[in-house]
Amino acid sequence: MVMSDMGLTLPTPLAGKDAIWQALSEIPDPEIPVLTIVDLGIIRGVDKVGNNFIVRITPTYTGCPASHAIEMSIRQALDAAGFEDATIKTEIAPPWTTDWISEAGHIKLKAYGIAPPSPKGEVACPQCNSTQVELISEHGSTACKALYRCTSCLEPFDYFKCI
C-alpha cells in the first residue's frame, strides 16, 4: 500500500512483469473481442533480461490476418504502461494450440455463442448444450471456426476448431 498526498491509503502500483501481464490481459482479440489475447493463450511469457522486458507471443497460426493488429495492440499497451523499451518476440515453435485457451476463455466463448474447442471432438450447442448438432460448413466466420446448427434448438453457431 502507498500513502497519497491526501493521507489516503492506495493500492501499490503494479511493477514489472505484473504490470505487463495486467496490460496484456486487457487487450481484446481483434477477431473474437470477447476474448483477450491472454485468454487466447498467445502470450507465451514475459521475461526480464537486464533492465528490459521481452514479451513472447505465438500467433494462432502463421497466416492469421490478425497477427499484425495484435502485435500493434501489444506495443500500444506496453507503451501506455510505461514499457516503451520492452521487446515483442514472435515464437512459432512449438505452434499454438487450442489447448492454450484458458478456462476463462472457454467460458467467455460459450457465453458469446461460440462453442469452445473440444479435444474429445464432441461439439455442444452453446445455446442449449445439446450435442445433437450438424456441420453446415468447415469454414465459419473466421478460418479458426466452423459453422454448425443445433438440431435440438435449431440455432446456427460457430465452433472454435481444435488445432
N, C-alpha and C. Protein backbone atom coordinates (compact mmCIF):
# COMPACT_ATOMS: atom_id res chain seq x y z
N MET A 1 0.83 -1.18 0.00
CA MET A 1 0.00 0.00 0.00
C MET A 1 0.87 1.25 0.00
N VAL A 2 0.35 2.31 -0.57
CA VAL A 2 1.05 3.57 -0.69
C VAL A 2 0.17 4.66 -0.10
N MET A 3 0.78 5.65 0.58
CA MET A 3 0.04 6.78 1.13
C MET A 3 -0.03 7.88 0.10
N SER A 4 -1.21 8.41 -0.16
CA SER A 4 -1.35 9.51 -1.11
C SER A 4 -1.04 10.83 -0.41
N ASP A 5 -0.94 11.90 -1.21
CA ASP A 5 -0.71 13.23 -0.65
C ASP A 5 -1.83 13.65 0.29
N MET A 6 -3.00 13.07 0.12
CA MET A 6 -4.16 13.44 0.93
C MET A 6 -4.29 12.54 2.16
N GLY A 7 -3.31 11.65 2.39
CA GLY A 7 -3.35 10.77 3.54
C GLY A 7 -4.17 9.52 3.34
N LEU A 8 -4.60 9.26 2.10
CA LEU A 8 -5.38 8.05 1.80
C LEU A 8 -4.44 6.89 1.51
N THR A 9 -4.85 5.70 1.88
CA THR A 9 -4.08 4.51 1.57
C THR A 9 -4.53 4.01 0.20
N LEU A 10 -3.59 3.92 -0.72
CA LEU A 10 -3.86 3.47 -2.08
C LEU A 10 -3.17 2.15 -2.33
N PRO A 11 -3.73 1.33 -3.24
CA PRO A 11 -3.03 0.09 -3.56
C PRO A 11 -1.67 0.40 -4.19
N THR A 12 -0.71 -0.47 -3.92
CA THR A 12 0.62 -0.33 -4.52
C THR A 12 0.50 -0.55 -6.01
N PRO A 13 1.08 0.35 -6.81
CA PRO A 13 1.01 0.14 -8.26
C PRO A 13 1.73 -1.14 -8.65
N LEU A 14 1.21 -1.78 -9.68
CA LEU A 14 1.87 -2.99 -10.17
C LEU A 14 3.21 -2.62 -10.78
N ALA A 15 4.17 -3.51 -10.63
CA ALA A 15 5.50 -3.24 -11.17
C ALA A 15 5.94 -4.41 -12.04
N GLY A 16 6.83 -4.12 -12.96
CA GLY A 16 7.48 -5.15 -13.75
C GLY A 16 6.53 -6.09 -14.47
N LYS A 17 6.81 -7.38 -14.32
CA LYS A 17 6.05 -8.40 -15.03
C LYS A 17 4.56 -8.31 -14.74
N ASP A 18 4.20 -8.07 -13.47
CA ASP A 18 2.77 -8.00 -13.12
C ASP A 18 2.08 -6.88 -13.88
N ALA A 19 2.74 -5.73 -14.01
CA ALA A 19 2.15 -4.61 -14.74
C ALA A 19 2.00 -4.95 -16.22
N ILE A 20 2.99 -5.64 -16.76
CA ILE A 20 2.90 -6.03 -18.18
C ILE A 20 1.76 -7.02 -18.38
N TRP A 21 1.68 -8.04 -17.52
CA TRP A 21 0.59 -9.02 -17.63
C TRP A 21 -0.77 -8.33 -17.51
N GLN A 22 -0.88 -7.37 -16.60
CA GLN A 22 -2.14 -6.64 -16.45
C GLN A 22 -2.48 -5.90 -17.74
N ALA A 23 -1.52 -5.23 -18.33
CA ALA A 23 -1.75 -4.50 -19.59
C ALA A 23 -2.16 -5.47 -20.70
N LEU A 24 -1.48 -6.61 -20.79
CA LEU A 24 -1.79 -7.59 -21.83
C LEU A 24 -3.17 -8.20 -21.64
N SER A 25 -3.58 -8.38 -20.39
CA SER A 25 -4.87 -9.02 -20.10
C SER A 25 -6.06 -8.15 -20.47
N GLU A 26 -5.80 -6.92 -20.87
CA GLU A 26 -6.89 -6.01 -21.27
C GLU A 26 -6.99 -5.84 -22.78
N ILE A 27 -6.15 -6.54 -23.53
CA ILE A 27 -6.16 -6.41 -24.99
C ILE A 27 -7.12 -7.45 -25.59
N PRO A 28 -8.18 -6.99 -26.26
CA PRO A 28 -9.10 -7.96 -26.87
C PRO A 28 -8.52 -8.55 -28.16
N ASP A 29 -8.90 -9.77 -28.44
CA ASP A 29 -8.56 -10.38 -29.72
C ASP A 29 -9.35 -9.64 -30.80
N PRO A 30 -8.71 -9.22 -31.90
CA PRO A 30 -9.44 -8.45 -32.91
C PRO A 30 -10.54 -9.23 -33.64
N GLU A 31 -10.42 -10.54 -33.71
CA GLU A 31 -11.43 -11.34 -34.41
C GLU A 31 -12.53 -11.84 -33.49
N ILE A 32 -12.19 -12.06 -32.22
CA ILE A 32 -13.18 -12.54 -31.24
C ILE A 32 -13.03 -11.65 -30.01
N PRO A 33 -13.60 -10.45 -30.04
CA PRO A 33 -13.32 -9.45 -29.00
C PRO A 33 -13.79 -9.82 -27.58
N VAL A 34 -14.56 -10.88 -27.45
CA VAL A 34 -14.94 -11.32 -26.11
C VAL A 34 -13.75 -11.94 -25.39
N LEU A 35 -12.75 -12.38 -26.15
CA LEU A 35 -11.53 -12.96 -25.58
C LEU A 35 -10.42 -11.93 -25.54
N THR A 36 -9.58 -12.01 -24.52
CA THR A 36 -8.36 -11.23 -24.53
C THR A 36 -7.26 -12.10 -25.13
N ILE A 37 -6.16 -11.46 -25.47
CA ILE A 37 -5.06 -12.24 -26.03
C ILE A 37 -4.46 -13.16 -24.97
N VAL A 38 -4.65 -12.84 -23.69
CA VAL A 38 -4.20 -13.73 -22.61
C VAL A 38 -5.15 -14.93 -22.53
N ASP A 39 -6.48 -14.69 -22.62
CA ASP A 39 -7.45 -15.81 -22.65
C ASP A 39 -7.13 -16.76 -23.80
N LEU A 40 -6.76 -16.19 -24.93
CA LEU A 40 -6.50 -16.98 -26.12
C LEU A 40 -5.23 -17.81 -26.00
N GLY A 41 -4.33 -17.41 -25.11
CA GLY A 41 -3.12 -18.19 -24.88
C GLY A 41 -1.99 -17.88 -25.84
N ILE A 42 -2.04 -16.73 -26.50
CA ILE A 42 -0.95 -16.42 -27.44
C ILE A 42 0.24 -15.75 -26.75
N ILE A 43 0.07 -15.34 -25.51
CA ILE A 43 1.21 -14.78 -24.76
C ILE A 43 1.96 -15.95 -24.16
N ARG A 44 3.17 -16.20 -24.65
CA ARG A 44 3.98 -17.33 -24.20
C ARG A 44 4.68 -17.04 -22.89
N GLY A 45 5.00 -15.77 -22.66
CA GLY A 45 5.67 -15.43 -21.43
C GLY A 45 6.17 -14.00 -21.45
N VAL A 46 6.51 -13.54 -20.27
CA VAL A 46 7.12 -12.22 -20.10
C VAL A 46 8.41 -12.46 -19.33
N ASP A 47 9.53 -12.09 -19.93
CA ASP A 47 10.84 -12.33 -19.32
C ASP A 47 11.54 -11.00 -19.09
N LYS A 48 12.32 -10.95 -18.02
CA LYS A 48 13.15 -9.77 -17.77
C LYS A 48 14.59 -10.14 -18.09
N VAL A 49 15.19 -9.35 -18.96
CA VAL A 49 16.59 -9.56 -19.34
C VAL A 49 17.30 -8.23 -19.08
N GLY A 50 18.13 -8.23 -18.04
CA GLY A 50 18.76 -6.97 -17.63
C GLY A 50 17.69 -6.03 -17.12
N ASN A 51 17.63 -4.84 -17.68
CA ASN A 51 16.60 -3.87 -17.29
C ASN A 51 15.43 -3.86 -18.25
N ASN A 52 15.42 -4.73 -19.24
CA ASN A 52 14.37 -4.74 -20.25
C ASN A 52 13.50 -5.98 -20.13
N PHE A 53 12.32 -5.88 -20.72
CA PHE A 53 11.38 -6.99 -20.72
C PHE A 53 11.18 -7.48 -22.15
N ILE A 54 10.94 -8.78 -22.26
CA ILE A 54 10.62 -9.39 -23.54
C ILE A 54 9.26 -10.06 -23.39
N VAL A 55 8.34 -9.71 -24.27
CA VAL A 55 7.02 -10.34 -24.31
C VAL A 55 7.05 -11.32 -25.47
N ARG A 56 6.91 -12.61 -25.15
CA ARG A 56 6.96 -13.66 -26.16
C ARG A 56 5.54 -14.05 -26.57
N ILE A 57 5.29 -14.03 -27.88
CA ILE A 57 3.95 -14.35 -28.39
C ILE A 57 4.04 -15.43 -29.46
N THR A 58 2.94 -16.17 -29.60
CA THR A 58 2.82 -17.16 -30.66
C THR A 58 1.48 -16.94 -31.35
N PRO A 59 1.49 -16.64 -32.65
CA PRO A 59 0.22 -16.45 -33.36
C PRO A 59 -0.56 -17.76 -33.40
N THR A 60 -1.87 -17.65 -33.53
CA THR A 60 -2.70 -18.85 -33.57
C THR A 60 -2.36 -19.72 -34.78
N TYR A 61 -1.99 -19.08 -35.88
CA TYR A 61 -1.39 -19.80 -37.00
C TYR A 61 -0.62 -18.78 -37.82
N THR A 62 0.35 -19.25 -38.58
CA THR A 62 1.28 -18.33 -39.23
C THR A 62 0.61 -17.40 -40.23
N GLY A 63 -0.52 -17.78 -40.79
CA GLY A 63 -1.20 -16.92 -41.75
C GLY A 63 -2.32 -16.10 -41.15
N CYS A 64 -2.41 -16.05 -39.84
CA CYS A 64 -3.51 -15.35 -39.18
C CYS A 64 -3.49 -13.86 -39.56
N PRO A 65 -4.59 -13.36 -40.15
CA PRO A 65 -4.61 -11.95 -40.56
C PRO A 65 -4.62 -10.98 -39.38
N ALA A 66 -4.93 -11.46 -38.19
CA ALA A 66 -4.98 -10.58 -37.01
C ALA A 66 -3.63 -10.43 -36.33
N SER A 67 -2.62 -11.18 -36.75
CA SER A 67 -1.31 -11.16 -36.07
C SER A 67 -0.71 -9.76 -35.99
N HIS A 68 -0.75 -9.03 -37.09
CA HIS A 68 -0.17 -7.68 -37.11
C HIS A 68 -0.95 -6.75 -36.18
N ALA A 69 -2.27 -6.83 -36.21
CA ALA A 69 -3.10 -5.99 -35.34
C ALA A 69 -2.85 -6.31 -33.87
N ILE A 70 -2.66 -7.58 -33.56
CA ILE A 70 -2.39 -7.98 -32.18
C ILE A 70 -1.04 -7.42 -31.73
N GLU A 71 -0.03 -7.54 -32.57
CA GLU A 71 1.29 -7.02 -32.21
C GLU A 71 1.24 -5.50 -32.00
N MET A 72 0.49 -4.79 -32.85
CA MET A 72 0.34 -3.34 -32.68
C MET A 72 -0.37 -3.00 -31.36
N SER A 73 -1.39 -3.79 -31.01
CA SER A 73 -2.11 -3.57 -29.76
C SER A 73 -1.20 -3.82 -28.55
N ILE A 74 -0.36 -4.84 -28.65
CA ILE A 74 0.59 -5.12 -27.57
C ILE A 74 1.56 -3.95 -27.41
N ARG A 75 2.08 -3.47 -28.54
CA ARG A 75 3.02 -2.35 -28.48
C ARG A 75 2.37 -1.13 -27.82
N GLN A 76 1.15 -0.81 -28.22
CA GLN A 76 0.44 0.34 -27.65
C GLN A 76 0.21 0.15 -26.15
N ALA A 77 -0.18 -1.05 -25.74
CA ALA A 77 -0.43 -1.31 -24.32
C ALA A 77 0.86 -1.22 -23.51
N LEU A 78 1.95 -1.76 -24.05
CA LEU A 78 3.24 -1.69 -23.35
C LEU A 78 3.69 -0.24 -23.21
N ASP A 79 3.58 0.53 -24.29
CA ASP A 79 3.97 1.94 -24.24
C ASP A 79 3.13 2.70 -23.22
N ALA A 80 1.82 2.48 -23.22
CA ALA A 80 0.92 3.17 -22.29
C ALA A 80 1.21 2.81 -20.84
N ALA A 81 1.71 1.59 -20.62
CA ALA A 81 2.03 1.15 -19.26
C ALA A 81 3.44 1.55 -18.84
N GLY A 82 4.15 2.26 -19.72
CA GLY A 82 5.49 2.73 -19.38
C GLY A 82 6.61 1.78 -19.75
N PHE A 83 6.34 0.83 -20.62
CA PHE A 83 7.35 -0.16 -21.01
C PHE A 83 7.71 0.01 -22.48
N GLU A 84 8.10 1.26 -22.84
CA GLU A 84 8.44 1.58 -24.22
C GLU A 84 9.63 0.77 -24.73
N ASP A 85 10.52 0.35 -23.84
CA ASP A 85 11.71 -0.40 -24.24
C ASP A 85 11.49 -1.91 -24.30
N ALA A 86 10.30 -2.37 -23.93
CA ALA A 86 10.02 -3.80 -23.97
C ALA A 86 10.03 -4.28 -25.42
N THR A 87 10.50 -5.51 -25.60
CA THR A 87 10.60 -6.12 -26.92
C THR A 87 9.49 -7.13 -27.08
N ILE A 88 8.92 -7.21 -28.26
CA ILE A 88 7.92 -8.23 -28.58
C ILE A 88 8.61 -9.24 -29.49
N LYS A 89 8.62 -10.49 -29.07
CA LYS A 89 9.30 -11.54 -29.82
C LYS A 89 8.28 -12.61 -30.22
N THR A 90 8.20 -12.88 -31.52
CA THR A 90 7.29 -13.90 -32.03
C THR A 90 8.01 -15.24 -32.08
N GLU A 91 7.39 -16.24 -31.48
CA GLU A 91 7.92 -17.61 -31.49
C GLU A 91 6.90 -18.51 -32.18
N ILE A 92 7.34 -19.27 -33.16
CA ILE A 92 6.39 -20.13 -33.87
C ILE A 92 6.54 -21.61 -33.50
N ALA A 93 7.50 -21.93 -32.64
CA ALA A 93 7.67 -23.31 -32.21
C ALA A 93 7.76 -23.34 -30.69
N PRO A 94 7.03 -24.21 -30.06
CA PRO A 94 6.00 -25.05 -30.65
C PRO A 94 4.82 -24.21 -31.13
N PRO A 95 4.10 -24.73 -32.12
CA PRO A 95 2.97 -23.96 -32.64
C PRO A 95 1.85 -23.85 -31.60
N TRP A 96 1.09 -22.76 -31.73
CA TRP A 96 -0.06 -22.52 -30.85
C TRP A 96 -1.07 -23.65 -31.01
N THR A 97 -1.75 -23.95 -29.95
CA THR A 97 -2.81 -24.96 -29.97
C THR A 97 -4.00 -24.45 -29.17
N THR A 98 -5.17 -24.92 -29.50
CA THR A 98 -6.38 -24.52 -28.76
C THR A 98 -6.32 -24.98 -27.31
N ASP A 99 -5.43 -25.89 -26.99
CA ASP A 99 -5.23 -26.30 -25.59
C ASP A 99 -4.76 -25.12 -24.74
N TRP A 100 -4.21 -24.09 -25.38
CA TRP A 100 -3.68 -22.93 -24.64
C TRP A 100 -4.77 -21.92 -24.30
N ILE A 101 -5.98 -22.10 -24.81
CA ILE A 101 -7.08 -21.20 -24.44
C ILE A 101 -7.42 -21.47 -22.98
N SER A 102 -7.49 -20.41 -22.21
CA SER A 102 -7.73 -20.56 -20.77
C SER A 102 -9.15 -21.06 -20.49
N GLU A 103 -9.35 -21.53 -19.27
CA GLU A 103 -10.69 -21.95 -18.85
C GLU A 103 -11.65 -20.77 -18.93
N ALA A 104 -11.17 -19.59 -18.51
CA ALA A 104 -11.99 -18.39 -18.62
C ALA A 104 -12.34 -18.12 -20.08
N GLY A 105 -11.40 -18.37 -20.97
CA GLY A 105 -11.65 -18.20 -22.40
C GLY A 105 -12.75 -19.11 -22.91
N HIS A 106 -12.75 -20.36 -22.46
CA HIS A 106 -13.80 -21.31 -22.85
C HIS A 106 -15.16 -20.81 -22.38
N ILE A 107 -15.21 -20.33 -21.16
CA ILE A 107 -16.48 -19.82 -20.60
C ILE A 107 -16.95 -18.60 -21.38
N LYS A 108 -16.04 -17.69 -21.70
CA LYS A 108 -16.39 -16.48 -22.46
C LYS A 108 -16.88 -16.84 -23.86
N LEU A 109 -16.22 -17.79 -24.52
CA LEU A 109 -16.65 -18.20 -25.86
C LEU A 109 -18.08 -18.71 -25.83
N LYS A 110 -18.35 -19.60 -24.90
CA LYS A 110 -19.70 -20.19 -24.82
C LYS A 110 -20.75 -19.12 -24.52
N ALA A 111 -20.45 -18.21 -23.59
CA ALA A 111 -21.40 -17.14 -23.25
C ALA A 111 -21.65 -16.23 -24.45
N TYR A 112 -20.66 -16.11 -25.33
CA TYR A 112 -20.75 -15.27 -26.52
C TYR A 112 -21.50 -15.96 -27.66
N GLY A 113 -21.72 -17.27 -27.51
CA GLY A 113 -22.44 -18.02 -28.54
C GLY A 113 -21.55 -18.82 -29.47
N ILE A 114 -20.27 -18.97 -29.11
CA ILE A 114 -19.34 -19.77 -29.89
C ILE A 114 -19.01 -21.02 -29.08
N ALA A 115 -19.19 -22.18 -29.67
CA ALA A 115 -18.85 -23.42 -28.98
C ALA A 115 -17.33 -23.50 -28.84
N PRO A 116 -16.84 -23.64 -27.62
CA PRO A 116 -15.38 -23.72 -27.43
C PRO A 116 -14.83 -25.03 -27.99
N PRO A 117 -13.53 -25.05 -28.29
CA PRO A 117 -12.93 -26.27 -28.84
C PRO A 117 -13.03 -27.41 -27.84
N SER A 118 -13.27 -28.59 -28.39
CA SER A 118 -13.37 -29.78 -27.55
C SER A 118 -12.40 -30.83 -28.08
N PRO A 119 -11.34 -31.11 -27.30
CA PRO A 119 -10.37 -32.10 -27.78
C PRO A 119 -10.98 -33.49 -27.96
N LYS A 120 -12.10 -33.73 -27.31
CA LYS A 120 -12.77 -35.03 -27.46
C LYS A 120 -13.60 -35.08 -28.74
N GLY A 121 -13.71 -33.95 -29.44
CA GLY A 121 -14.45 -33.92 -30.69
C GLY A 121 -15.95 -33.78 -30.52
N GLU A 122 -16.41 -33.62 -29.30
CA GLU A 122 -17.86 -33.50 -29.07
C GLU A 122 -18.25 -32.03 -29.09
N VAL A 123 -18.97 -31.65 -30.10
CA VAL A 123 -19.42 -30.26 -30.26
C VAL A 123 -20.78 -30.13 -29.58
N ALA A 124 -20.89 -29.14 -28.69
CA ALA A 124 -22.16 -28.90 -27.99
C ALA A 124 -22.66 -27.51 -28.33
N CYS A 125 -23.95 -27.40 -28.53
CA CYS A 125 -24.57 -26.12 -28.83
C CYS A 125 -24.36 -25.16 -27.65
N PRO A 126 -23.85 -23.96 -27.91
CA PRO A 126 -23.63 -23.01 -26.81
C PRO A 126 -24.93 -22.42 -26.27
N GLN A 127 -26.05 -22.61 -26.99
CA GLN A 127 -27.34 -22.07 -26.54
C GLN A 127 -28.06 -23.04 -25.57
N CYS A 128 -28.11 -24.32 -25.96
CA CYS A 128 -28.91 -25.28 -25.17
C CYS A 128 -28.10 -26.47 -24.66
N ASN A 129 -26.81 -26.53 -24.97
CA ASN A 129 -25.90 -27.59 -24.55
C ASN A 129 -26.14 -28.95 -25.21
N SER A 130 -27.03 -29.02 -26.18
CA SER A 130 -27.28 -30.28 -26.87
C SER A 130 -26.06 -30.66 -27.71
N THR A 131 -25.80 -31.96 -27.77
CA THR A 131 -24.74 -32.45 -28.66
C THR A 131 -25.35 -32.96 -29.97
N GLN A 132 -26.64 -32.75 -30.14
CA GLN A 132 -27.32 -33.11 -31.38
C GLN A 132 -27.13 -31.96 -32.36
N VAL A 133 -25.99 -31.97 -33.04
CA VAL A 133 -25.62 -30.87 -33.92
C VAL A 133 -25.19 -31.42 -35.27
N GLU A 134 -25.23 -30.54 -36.28
CA GLU A 134 -24.76 -30.95 -37.60
C GLU A 134 -23.84 -29.87 -38.17
N LEU A 135 -22.82 -30.34 -38.86
CA LEU A 135 -21.87 -29.45 -39.51
C LEU A 135 -22.52 -28.87 -40.76
N ILE A 136 -22.51 -27.54 -40.86
CA ILE A 136 -23.03 -26.89 -42.06
C ILE A 136 -21.87 -26.57 -43.01
N SER A 137 -20.77 -26.05 -42.44
CA SER A 137 -19.61 -25.70 -43.26
C SER A 137 -18.34 -25.77 -42.42
N GLU A 138 -17.29 -26.31 -42.98
CA GLU A 138 -15.98 -26.34 -42.30
C GLU A 138 -15.43 -24.94 -42.13
N HIS A 139 -15.98 -23.98 -42.86
CA HIS A 139 -15.49 -22.61 -42.84
C HIS A 139 -16.55 -21.69 -42.24
N GLY A 140 -16.23 -21.15 -41.06
CA GLY A 140 -17.14 -20.24 -40.39
C GLY A 140 -16.79 -18.80 -40.66
N SER A 141 -17.11 -17.94 -39.71
CA SER A 141 -16.89 -16.50 -39.89
C SER A 141 -15.40 -16.13 -39.91
N THR A 142 -14.55 -16.98 -39.36
CA THR A 142 -13.10 -16.81 -39.47
C THR A 142 -12.51 -18.19 -39.75
N ALA A 143 -11.26 -18.24 -40.16
CA ALA A 143 -10.63 -19.51 -40.53
C ALA A 143 -10.56 -20.50 -39.36
N CYS A 144 -10.59 -19.99 -38.13
CA CYS A 144 -10.45 -20.87 -36.98
C CYS A 144 -11.79 -21.44 -36.50
N LYS A 145 -12.87 -21.13 -37.22
CA LYS A 145 -14.18 -21.61 -36.79
C LYS A 145 -14.90 -22.36 -37.91
N ALA A 146 -15.78 -23.27 -37.51
CA ALA A 146 -16.65 -23.99 -38.43
C ALA A 146 -18.09 -23.62 -38.06
N LEU A 147 -18.99 -23.72 -39.03
CA LEU A 147 -20.39 -23.37 -38.81
C LEU A 147 -21.21 -24.64 -38.57
N TYR A 148 -21.94 -24.64 -37.46
CA TYR A 148 -22.79 -25.77 -37.08
C TYR A 148 -24.22 -25.29 -36.89
N ARG A 149 -25.15 -26.26 -36.85
CA ARG A 149 -26.53 -25.99 -36.47
C ARG A 149 -26.95 -27.03 -35.45
N CYS A 150 -27.65 -26.56 -34.43
CA CYS A 150 -28.17 -27.47 -33.41
C CYS A 150 -29.48 -28.04 -33.92
N THR A 151 -29.61 -29.36 -33.89
CA THR A 151 -30.86 -29.97 -34.35
C THR A 151 -31.90 -30.02 -33.24
N SER A 152 -31.52 -29.62 -32.03
CA SER A 152 -32.49 -29.55 -30.93
C SER A 152 -33.18 -28.18 -30.89
N CYS A 153 -32.39 -27.11 -30.82
CA CYS A 153 -32.99 -25.76 -30.74
C CYS A 153 -32.98 -25.05 -32.10
N LEU A 154 -32.35 -25.66 -33.10
CA LEU A 154 -32.30 -25.18 -34.48
C LEU A 154 -31.47 -23.92 -34.68
N GLU A 155 -30.70 -23.52 -33.68
CA GLU A 155 -29.86 -22.33 -33.80
C GLU A 155 -28.54 -22.66 -34.50
N PRO A 156 -28.13 -21.80 -35.44
CA PRO A 156 -26.79 -21.96 -36.01
C PRO A 156 -25.76 -21.36 -35.04
N PHE A 157 -24.54 -21.87 -35.08
CA PHE A 157 -23.49 -21.34 -34.21
C PHE A 157 -22.12 -21.67 -34.77
N ASP A 158 -21.15 -20.86 -34.37
CA ASP A 158 -19.76 -21.14 -34.72
C ASP A 158 -19.16 -22.08 -33.68
N TYR A 159 -18.28 -22.93 -34.15
CA TYR A 159 -17.49 -23.82 -33.29
C TYR A 159 -16.02 -23.48 -33.50
N PHE A 160 -15.33 -23.20 -32.43
CA PHE A 160 -13.90 -22.88 -32.49
C PHE A 160 -13.16 -24.20 -32.70
N LYS A 161 -12.61 -24.38 -33.90
CA LYS A 161 -11.96 -25.65 -34.26
C LYS A 161 -10.76 -25.95 -33.38
N CYS A 162 -10.56 -27.22 -33.10
CA CYS A 162 -9.37 -27.65 -32.37
C CYS A 162 -8.17 -27.61 -33.32
N ILE A 163 -7.10 -27.08 -32.81
CA ILE A 163 -5.85 -27.05 -33.59
C ILE A 163 -4.78 -27.66 -32.73
